Amino acid sequence: MASDKVQAIDDAAFTATISSEIPCLVDFWAPWCGPCKAIGPVIEDLAEEYKGKVTILKMNVDDNPVTPGKYGIRAIPTLILFKSGEVVDQITGAVGKKQLVDLISKAL
């Protein structure tokens, strides 16, 4: 679920948004996904910590099937880090904050 810290993104806005020079971390999730809910607070914390340095977005895979299909997402949560529209790296599963910080650091 999107919040005031983490904005939702849809298929229509995806390409333009990730093409930014500012790195984008996209959390592909669904409301019924337990691990997605578990990682949610960590995503919120990262959005606060990296405000202005990294854009953190959430895409509901049920509502937006095109983009997850394009990137071959078969399990959620999957988090993909983009910089200038290119995939820097990705991680799948409800991982810890340190793993996500390490992921983000690859684009900074």
N, C-alpha and C. Protein backbone atom coordinates (compact mmCIF):
# COMPACT_ATOMS: atom_id res chain seq x y z
N MET A 1 0.83 -1.17 0.00
CA MET A 1 0.00 0.00 0.00
C MET A 1 0.88 1.25 0.00
N ALA A 2 0.53 2.21 -0.79
CA ALA A 2 1.28 3.46 -0.83
C ALA A 2 0.96 4.29 0.42
N SER A 3 1.84 5.23 0.70
CA SER A 3 1.66 6.09 1.87
C SER A 3 2.15 7.48 1.53
N ASP A 4 2.26 8.32 2.54
CA ASP A 4 2.79 9.66 2.28
C ASP A 4 4.29 9.61 1.99
N LYS A 5 4.96 8.54 2.38
CA LYS A 5 6.40 8.40 2.14
C LYS A 5 6.71 7.63 0.86
N VAL A 6 5.86 6.66 0.55
CA VAL A 6 6.08 5.79 -0.60
C VAL A 6 4.92 5.97 -1.56
N GLN A 7 5.21 6.37 -2.79
CA GLN A 7 4.12 6.60 -3.72
C GLN A 7 3.86 5.36 -4.58
N ALA A 8 2.59 5.21 -4.96
CA ALA A 8 2.20 4.12 -5.85
C ALA A 8 2.53 4.53 -7.27
N ILE A 9 2.85 3.53 -8.07
CA ILE A 9 3.11 3.78 -9.49
C ILE A 9 2.32 2.76 -10.29
N ASP A 10 1.90 3.17 -11.50
CA ASP A 10 1.16 2.25 -12.35
C ASP A 10 1.92 2.02 -13.66
N ASP A 11 1.40 1.10 -14.46
CA ASP A 11 2.04 0.77 -15.74
C ASP A 11 2.23 2.01 -16.61
N ALA A 12 1.23 2.89 -16.64
CA ALA A 12 1.26 4.05 -17.52
C ALA A 12 2.41 5.01 -17.19
N ALA A 13 2.70 5.19 -15.91
CA ALA A 13 3.71 6.17 -15.50
C ALA A 13 5.08 5.54 -15.28
N PHE A 14 5.19 4.24 -15.40
CA PHE A 14 6.40 3.54 -14.98
C PHE A 14 7.66 3.99 -15.72
N THR A 15 7.66 3.90 -17.04
CA THR A 15 8.88 4.19 -17.81
C THR A 15 9.37 5.61 -17.59
N ALA A 16 8.47 6.57 -17.60
CA ALA A 16 8.88 7.97 -17.40
C ALA A 16 9.46 8.17 -16.00
N THR A 17 8.88 7.52 -15.02
CA THR A 17 9.31 7.70 -13.63
C THR A 17 10.68 7.09 -13.38
N ILE A 18 10.93 5.89 -13.87
CA ILE A 18 12.22 5.24 -13.59
C ILE A 18 13.35 5.78 -14.46
N SER A 19 13.04 6.61 -15.43
CA SER A 19 14.07 7.17 -16.30
C SER A 19 14.83 8.31 -15.65
N SER A 20 14.48 8.64 -14.45
CA SER A 20 15.10 9.74 -13.71
C SER A 20 16.57 9.44 -13.40
N GLU A 21 17.35 10.51 -13.25
CA GLU A 21 18.73 10.38 -12.79
C GLU A 21 18.77 9.92 -11.33
N ILE A 22 17.71 10.26 -10.59
CA ILE A 22 17.63 9.82 -9.19
C ILE A 22 17.26 8.34 -9.20
N PRO A 23 18.02 7.52 -8.50
CA PRO A 23 17.70 6.09 -8.47
C PRO A 23 16.27 5.85 -7.96
N CYS A 24 15.63 4.82 -8.50
CA CYS A 24 14.28 4.44 -8.09
C CYS A 24 14.30 2.99 -7.62
N LEU A 25 13.77 2.76 -6.43
CA LEU A 25 13.59 1.41 -5.92
C LEU A 25 12.10 1.11 -6.00
N VAL A 26 11.74 0.10 -6.80
CA VAL A 26 10.34 -0.25 -6.99
C VAL A 26 10.04 -1.55 -6.27
N ASP A 27 9.05 -1.50 -5.39
CA ASP A 27 8.59 -2.66 -4.64
C ASP A 27 7.36 -3.20 -5.37
N PHE A 28 7.52 -4.38 -6.00
CA PHE A 28 6.40 -5.04 -6.65
C PHE A 28 5.72 -5.91 -5.61
N TRP A 29 4.44 -5.67 -5.36
CA TRP A 29 3.74 -6.29 -4.24
C TRP A 29 2.27 -6.54 -4.59
N ALA A 30 1.55 -7.16 -3.66
CA ALA A 30 0.09 -7.33 -3.77
C ALA A 30 -0.49 -7.31 -2.36
N PRO A 31 -1.73 -6.83 -2.22
CA PRO A 31 -2.34 -6.71 -0.90
C PRO A 31 -2.51 -8.04 -0.15
N TRP A 32 -2.62 -9.14 -0.87
CA TRP A 32 -2.83 -10.45 -0.25
C TRP A 32 -1.52 -11.13 0.15
N CYS A 33 -0.39 -10.52 -0.16
CA CYS A 33 0.93 -11.13 0.04
C CYS A 33 1.47 -10.86 1.45
N GLY A 34 1.55 -11.90 2.27
CA GLY A 34 2.05 -11.76 3.64
C GLY A 34 3.45 -11.20 3.72
N PRO A 35 4.42 -11.76 2.97
CA PRO A 35 5.78 -11.20 3.01
C PRO A 35 5.84 -9.74 2.54
N CYS A 36 4.95 -9.36 1.62
CA CYS A 36 4.90 -7.97 1.17
C CYS A 36 4.50 -7.04 2.32
N LYS A 37 3.52 -7.51 3.11
CA LYS A 37 3.10 -6.72 4.28
C LYS A 37 4.21 -6.65 5.31
N ALA A 38 4.94 -7.75 5.47
CA ALA A 38 6.02 -7.79 6.46
C ALA A 38 7.14 -6.82 6.12
N ILE A 39 7.44 -6.65 4.85
CA ILE A 39 8.54 -5.78 4.44
C ILE A 39 8.10 -4.31 4.34
N GLY A 40 6.80 -4.08 4.36
CA GLY A 40 6.27 -2.72 4.22
C GLY A 40 6.88 -1.67 5.14
N PRO A 41 6.96 -1.95 6.46
CA PRO A 41 7.55 -0.96 7.36
C PRO A 41 9.02 -0.64 7.05
N VAL A 42 9.75 -1.63 6.56
CA VAL A 42 11.16 -1.40 6.19
C VAL A 42 11.22 -0.47 4.98
N ILE A 43 10.32 -0.69 4.02
CA ILE A 43 10.26 0.18 2.84
C ILE A 43 9.93 1.62 3.26
N GLU A 44 9.00 1.75 4.20
CA GLU A 44 8.65 3.09 4.71
C GLU A 44 9.86 3.77 5.35
N ASP A 45 10.60 3.03 6.16
CA ASP A 45 11.80 3.59 6.81
C ASP A 45 12.82 4.04 5.78
N LEU A 46 13.03 3.23 4.76
CA LEU A 46 14.01 3.57 3.73
C LEU A 46 13.57 4.81 2.95
N ALA A 47 12.28 4.93 2.70
CA ALA A 47 11.77 6.11 1.99
C ALA A 47 12.09 7.38 2.77
N GLU A 48 11.98 7.30 4.10
CA GLU A 48 12.29 8.45 4.95
C GLU A 48 13.80 8.73 4.96
N GLU A 49 14.59 7.69 5.13
CA GLU A 49 16.05 7.84 5.21
C GLU A 49 16.67 8.34 3.92
N TYR A 50 16.15 7.92 2.78
CA TYR A 50 16.74 8.26 1.49
C TYR A 50 15.97 9.34 0.74
N LYS A 51 15.11 10.05 1.45
CA LYS A 51 14.30 11.11 0.83
C LYS A 51 15.21 12.10 0.11
N GLY A 52 14.90 12.36 -1.16
CA GLY A 52 15.70 13.27 -1.96
C GLY A 52 16.88 12.61 -2.65
N LYS A 53 17.24 11.40 -2.23
CA LYS A 53 18.36 10.68 -2.84
C LYS A 53 17.90 9.50 -3.69
N VAL A 54 16.82 8.85 -3.24
CA VAL A 54 16.26 7.68 -3.92
C VAL A 54 14.74 7.79 -3.89
N THR A 55 14.12 7.57 -5.04
CA THR A 55 12.66 7.53 -5.10
C THR A 55 12.22 6.10 -4.82
N ILE A 56 11.36 5.93 -3.84
CA ILE A 56 10.87 4.59 -3.50
C ILE A 56 9.40 4.50 -3.88
N LEU A 57 9.10 3.49 -4.70
CA LEU A 57 7.78 3.34 -5.28
C LEU A 57 7.23 1.94 -5.01
N LYS A 58 5.90 1.82 -5.04
CA LYS A 58 5.26 0.51 -4.89
C LYS A 58 4.34 0.30 -6.09
N MET A 59 4.42 -0.90 -6.67
CA MET A 59 3.54 -1.24 -7.77
C MET A 59 2.74 -2.49 -7.40
N ASN A 60 1.42 -2.35 -7.39
CA ASN A 60 0.53 -3.47 -7.13
C ASN A 60 0.48 -4.33 -8.40
N VAL A 61 1.01 -5.55 -8.30
CA VAL A 61 1.10 -6.42 -9.48
C VAL A 61 -0.26 -6.90 -9.97
N ASP A 62 -1.26 -6.92 -9.11
CA ASP A 62 -2.61 -7.32 -9.52
C ASP A 62 -3.25 -6.25 -10.40
N ASP A 63 -3.01 -4.99 -10.07
CA ASP A 63 -3.60 -3.88 -10.81
C ASP A 63 -2.79 -3.47 -12.03
N ASN A 64 -1.52 -3.86 -12.06
CA ASN A 64 -0.60 -3.44 -13.12
C ASN A 64 0.21 -4.64 -13.62
N PRO A 65 -0.37 -5.46 -14.50
CA PRO A 65 0.31 -6.68 -14.93
C PRO A 65 1.40 -6.48 -15.99
N VAL A 66 1.38 -5.37 -16.71
CA VAL A 66 2.30 -5.20 -17.84
C VAL A 66 3.75 -5.09 -17.38
N THR A 67 4.02 -4.20 -16.46
CA THR A 67 5.40 -3.98 -16.02
C THR A 67 6.00 -5.21 -15.34
N PRO A 68 5.32 -5.85 -14.39
CA PRO A 68 5.91 -7.06 -13.81
C PRO A 68 6.20 -8.13 -14.87
N GLY A 69 5.34 -8.23 -15.88
CA GLY A 69 5.57 -9.18 -16.96
C GLY A 69 6.82 -8.83 -17.75
N LYS A 70 7.00 -7.55 -18.00
CA LYS A 70 8.17 -7.08 -18.76
C LYS A 70 9.47 -7.43 -18.04
N TYR A 71 9.46 -7.37 -16.73
CA TYR A 71 10.67 -7.63 -15.95
C TYR A 71 10.74 -9.06 -15.40
N GLY A 72 9.83 -9.92 -15.85
CA GLY A 72 9.88 -11.33 -15.49
C GLY A 72 9.67 -11.63 -14.02
N ILE A 73 8.85 -10.82 -13.37
CA ILE A 73 8.61 -11.01 -11.94
C ILE A 73 7.67 -12.19 -11.74
N ARG A 74 8.16 -13.20 -11.02
CA ARG A 74 7.39 -14.41 -10.79
C ARG A 74 7.06 -14.61 -9.31
N ALA A 75 7.71 -13.85 -8.45
CA ALA A 75 7.47 -13.96 -7.00
C ALA A 75 7.47 -12.55 -6.42
N ILE A 76 6.68 -12.37 -5.38
CA ILE A 76 6.64 -11.08 -4.70
C ILE A 76 6.85 -11.29 -3.21
N PRO A 77 7.37 -10.32 -2.51
CA PRO A 77 7.84 -9.04 -3.03
C PRO A 77 9.14 -9.19 -3.83
N THR A 78 9.20 -8.45 -4.93
CA THR A 78 10.43 -8.28 -5.67
C THR A 78 10.71 -6.79 -5.68
N LEU A 79 11.94 -6.43 -5.37
CA LEU A 79 12.35 -5.03 -5.38
C LEU A 79 13.42 -4.86 -6.45
N ILE A 80 13.18 -3.94 -7.37
CA ILE A 80 14.14 -3.69 -8.44
C ILE A 80 14.62 -2.25 -8.31
N LEU A 81 15.94 -2.09 -8.38
CA LEU A 81 16.57 -0.79 -8.31
C LEU A 81 16.92 -0.33 -9.72
N PHE A 82 16.43 0.85 -10.08
CA PHE A 82 16.68 1.42 -11.40
C PHE A 82 17.48 2.72 -11.27
N LYS A 83 18.30 3.00 -12.27
CA LYS A 83 18.95 4.30 -12.38
C LYS A 83 18.98 4.66 -13.85
N SER A 84 18.45 5.82 -14.17
CA SER A 84 18.35 6.28 -15.56
C SER A 84 17.64 5.26 -16.45
N GLY A 85 16.62 4.59 -15.90
CA GLY A 85 15.82 3.65 -16.66
C GLY A 85 16.40 2.25 -16.79
N GLU A 86 17.61 2.05 -16.28
CA GLU A 86 18.26 0.74 -16.37
C GLU A 86 18.21 0.01 -15.03
N VAL A 87 18.08 -1.32 -15.09
CA VAL A 87 18.09 -2.12 -13.87
C VAL A 87 19.51 -2.16 -13.32
N VAL A 88 19.66 -1.76 -12.06
CA VAL A 88 20.95 -1.85 -11.38
C VAL A 88 21.07 -3.21 -10.72
N ASP A 89 20.02 -3.62 -10.01
CA ASP A 89 20.00 -4.91 -9.33
C ASP A 89 18.58 -5.16 -8.83
N GLN A 90 18.34 -6.39 -8.36
CA GLN A 90 17.04 -6.69 -7.80
C GLN A 90 17.18 -7.75 -6.72
N ILE A 91 16.15 -7.81 -5.90
CA ILE A 91 16.13 -8.76 -4.79
C ILE A 91 14.69 -9.24 -4.62
N THR A 92 14.53 -10.51 -4.29
CA THR A 92 13.19 -11.08 -4.13
C THR A 92 13.04 -11.65 -2.73
N GLY A 93 11.88 -11.43 -2.14
CA GLY A 93 11.59 -11.97 -0.82
C GLY A 93 11.59 -10.89 0.24
N ALA A 94 11.10 -11.26 1.41
CA ALA A 94 11.04 -10.34 2.54
C ALA A 94 12.41 -10.33 3.21
N VAL A 95 13.29 -9.51 2.68
CA VAL A 95 14.66 -9.44 3.17
C VAL A 95 14.77 -8.37 4.26
N GLY A 96 15.88 -8.37 4.95
CA GLY A 96 16.12 -7.41 6.01
C GLY A 96 16.55 -6.06 5.49
N LYS A 97 16.52 -5.09 6.38
CA LYS A 97 16.86 -3.72 6.02
C LYS A 97 18.29 -3.61 5.50
N LYS A 98 19.23 -4.32 6.10
CA LYS A 98 20.63 -4.23 5.67
C LYS A 98 20.77 -4.65 4.21
N GLN A 99 20.09 -5.70 3.80
CA GLN A 99 20.16 -6.14 2.40
C GLN A 99 19.62 -5.07 1.46
N LEU A 100 18.58 -4.38 1.88
CA LEU A 100 18.01 -3.32 1.05
C LEU A 100 18.91 -2.09 1.01
N VAL A 101 19.54 -1.77 2.12
CA VAL A 101 20.49 -0.65 2.14
C VAL A 101 21.66 -0.98 1.22
N ASP A 102 22.15 -2.21 1.27
CA ASP A 102 23.24 -2.63 0.39
C ASP A 102 22.82 -2.53 -1.08
N LEU A 103 21.58 -2.90 -1.37
CA LEU A 103 21.05 -2.80 -2.72
C LEU A 103 21.03 -1.34 -3.18
N ILE A 104 20.48 -0.48 -2.36
CA ILE A 104 20.37 0.95 -2.71
C ILE A 104 21.75 1.56 -2.91
N SER A 105 22.71 1.16 -2.11
CA SER A 105 24.06 1.76 -2.20
C SER A 105 24.71 1.51 -3.55
N LYS A 106 24.25 0.52 -4.30
CA LYS A 106 24.81 0.22 -5.61
C LYS A 106 24.50 1.32 -6.62
N ALA A 107 23.49 2.14 -6.35
CA ALA A 107 23.10 3.19 -7.29
C ALA A 107 23.48 4.59 -6.82
N LEU A 108 24.06 4.68 -5.63
CA LEU A 108 24.40 6.01 -5.10
C LEU A 108 25.87 6.35 -5.33
